[in-house]
């Protein structure tokens, strides 16, 4: 929380119901650091105010709201190898093909967007609108 020009060493700043006493170091920095507890996903409002020696309440210029979002987006799903015709996890000569390559299909999750980057075996692939239309990003491997 930024400190105003009238803040003094010993001023008490209340942030979301918790009192913080301003120190000389805080004055030198121009701010105090307040630990804001997070109780779950969603918006967290931050409100700060201080009371001077005469009892005047100084409220921060504006409350701030931040959104806590720790749930990862559902960008990808199952990986399949279409050439593995019998589903045994082994590509024989007939399944591998004459060029020695095969396709890996990565199912796209509902949160994938045009431009999402999918990393397959260390190689980045950018999801396109065509990939989204089929819900699969298909890449060829040698």
Protein backbone atom coordinates (compact mmCIF):
# COMPACT_ATOMS: atom_id res chain seq x y z
CA UNK A 1 0.00 0.00 0.00
CA UNK A 2 1.46 3.34 -1.02
CA UNK A 3 1.89 5.81 1.80
CA UNK A 4 0.62 9.37 1.54
CA UNK A 5 2.81 12.42 2.17
CA UNK A 6 1.42 12.84 5.70
CA UNK A 7 2.31 9.31 6.89
CA UNK A 8 4.57 9.24 9.94
CA UNK A 9 6.62 6.61 11.71
CA UNK A 10 4.07 4.87 13.96
CA UNK A 11 1.01 5.60 11.82
CA UNK A 12 -1.36 2.65 11.87
CA UNK A 13 -2.75 1.57 8.51
CA UNK A 14 -5.66 -0.86 8.53
CA UNK A 15 -5.80 -3.16 5.52
CA UNK A 16 -8.83 -5.45 5.32
CA UNK A 17 -9.20 -5.37 9.09
CA UNK A 18 -5.54 -5.97 9.97
CA UNK A 19 -3.46 -3.16 11.50
CA UNK A 20 0.05 -2.45 10.21
CA UNK A 21 2.30 0.07 11.96
CA UNK A 22 4.34 2.25 9.61
CA UNK A 23 8.09 2.07 10.24
CA UNK A 24 10.97 4.29 9.15
CA UNK A 25 11.82 1.66 6.54
CA UNK A 26 8.25 1.82 5.21
CA UNK A 27 8.53 5.61 4.96
CA UNK A 28 11.81 5.27 3.06
CA UNK A 29 10.20 2.76 0.69
CA UNK A 30 7.02 4.80 0.35
CA UNK A 31 4.78 1.81 1.04
CA UNK A 32 3.83 -0.92 3.48
CA UNK A 33 3.47 -4.56 2.58
CA UNK A 34 0.24 -6.17 3.73
CA UNK A 35 -0.36 -9.92 3.66
CA UNK A 36 -3.81 -10.50 2.16
CA UNK A 37 -5.31 -13.89 3.04
CA UNK A 38 -6.79 -15.84 0.15
CA UNK A 39 -9.69 -18.09 1.02
CA UNK A 40 -10.39 -19.50 -2.42
CA UNK A 41 -10.97 -18.68 -6.06
CA UNK A 42 -12.53 -15.44 -7.20
CA UNK A 43 -12.37 -11.75 -6.43
CA UNK A 44 -10.54 -10.39 -3.39
CA UNK A 45 -11.24 -6.77 -2.42
CA UNK A 46 -8.48 -4.76 -0.75
CA UNK A 47 -9.45 -1.78 1.39
CA UNK A 48 -7.02 0.41 3.32
CA UNK A 49 -7.44 3.30 5.73
CA UNK A 50 -5.44 5.11 8.38
CA UNK A 51 -6.39 7.28 11.34
CA UNK A 52 -4.22 10.25 12.26
CA UNK A 53 -3.52 11.51 15.80
CA UNK A 54 -6.56 13.80 15.62
CA UNK A 55 -8.87 10.89 14.73
CA UNK A 56 -9.27 11.81 11.06
CA UNK A 57 -9.78 8.78 8.83
CA UNK A 58 -7.85 8.74 5.56
CA UNK A 59 -9.16 6.16 3.11
CA UNK A 60 -7.07 4.91 0.18
CA UNK A 61 -7.86 6.65 -3.11
CA UNK A 62 -9.73 3.56 -4.29
CA UNK A 63 -10.28 -0.01 -3.22
CA UNK A 64 -8.60 -2.57 -5.44
CA UNK A 65 -10.05 -5.92 -6.43
CA UNK A 66 -7.89 -8.73 -7.74
CA UNK A 67 -9.11 -12.08 -9.02
CA UNK A 68 -7.50 -15.24 -7.70
CA UNK A 69 -7.41 -17.90 -10.40
CA UNK A 70 -5.29 -20.93 -9.55
CA UNK A 71 -7.23 -23.51 -11.57
CA UNK A 72 -5.31 -24.35 -14.75
CA UNK A 73 -7.14 -23.98 -18.03
CA UNK A 74 -8.31 -27.19 -19.69
CA UNK A 75 -6.21 -26.82 -22.85
CA UNK A 76 -5.39 -30.40 -23.86
CA UNK A 77 -6.77 -33.89 -23.45
CA UNK A 78 -5.79 -37.35 -24.62
CA UNK A 79 -2.89 -38.10 -26.95
CA UNK A 80 -3.59 -40.71 -29.61
CA UNK A 81 -1.57 -42.27 -32.42
CA UNK A 82 -3.94 -42.95 -35.35
CA UNK A 83 -1.43 -45.25 -37.05
CA UNK A 84 -1.51 -47.65 -34.06
CA UNK A 85 -4.37 -49.53 -35.71
CA UNK A 86 -4.60 -52.35 -33.15
CA UNK A 87 -4.07 -50.04 -30.14
CA UNK A 88 -1.19 -52.08 -28.70
CA UNK A 89 1.16 -49.09 -28.27
CA UNK A 90 3.61 -50.56 -30.80
CA UNK A 91 3.97 -49.34 -34.38
CA UNK A 92 4.91 -52.17 -36.70
CA UNK A 93 6.26 -51.68 -40.23
CA UNK A 94 2.77 -51.62 -41.77
CA UNK A 95 1.51 -49.06 -39.27
CA UNK A 96 4.60 -46.84 -39.45
CA UNK A 97 4.40 -46.34 -43.20
CA UNK A 98 7.03 -45.99 -45.89
CA UNK A 99 8.37 -42.60 -44.82
CA UNK A 100 9.13 -43.77 -41.25
CA UNK A 101 6.90 -41.18 -39.64
CA UNK A 102 3.66 -41.20 -37.66
CA UNK A 103 1.07 -38.73 -36.43
CA UNK A 104 0.34 -37.78 -32.86
CA UNK A 105 -3.08 -36.29 -32.22
CA UNK A 106 -3.50 -34.15 -29.12
CA UNK A 107 -7.13 -33.59 -28.21
CA UNK A 108 -7.83 -29.95 -27.48
CA UNK A 109 -9.67 -29.03 -24.30
CA UNK A 110 -12.61 -26.64 -24.11
CA UNK A 111 -10.36 -23.75 -23.02
CA UNK A 112 -8.00 -23.97 -26.03
CA UNK A 113 -8.05 -20.91 -28.28
CA UNK A 114 -6.63 -20.00 -31.67
CA UNK A 115 -2.98 -19.22 -30.87
CA UNK A 116 -2.70 -21.53 -27.84
CA UNK A 117 0.77 -23.10 -27.80
CA UNK A 118 0.91 -26.87 -27.23
CA UNK A 119 4.30 -28.42 -26.49
CA UNK A 120 4.74 -32.00 -27.73
CA UNK A 121 8.08 -33.67 -26.94
CA UNK A 122 9.80 -30.29 -26.61
CA UNK A 123 8.41 -28.84 -29.84
CA UNK A 124 5.89 -25.99 -29.70
CA UNK A 125 2.85 -26.09 -31.96
CA UNK A 126 0.42 -23.22 -32.30
CA UNK A 127 -3.26 -24.17 -32.33
CA UNK A 128 -5.11 -22.88 -35.39
CA UNK A 129 -8.78 -22.30 -36.13
CA UNK A 130 -8.69 -25.50 -38.22
CA UNK A 131 -7.41 -27.43 -35.19
CA UNK A 132 -10.22 -25.99 -33.08
CA UNK A 133 -12.81 -27.03 -35.66
CA UNK A 134 -11.75 -30.67 -35.24
CA UNK A 135 -10.79 -30.31 -31.55
CA UNK A 136 -7.49 -32.03 -32.41
CA UNK A 137 -3.99 -30.72 -33.03
CA UNK A 138 -2.24 -33.21 -35.29
CA UNK A 139 1.54 -33.28 -35.57
CA UNK A 140 3.80 -35.54 -37.63
CA UNK A 141 6.88 -37.24 -36.13
CA UNK A 142 9.80 -38.91 -37.84
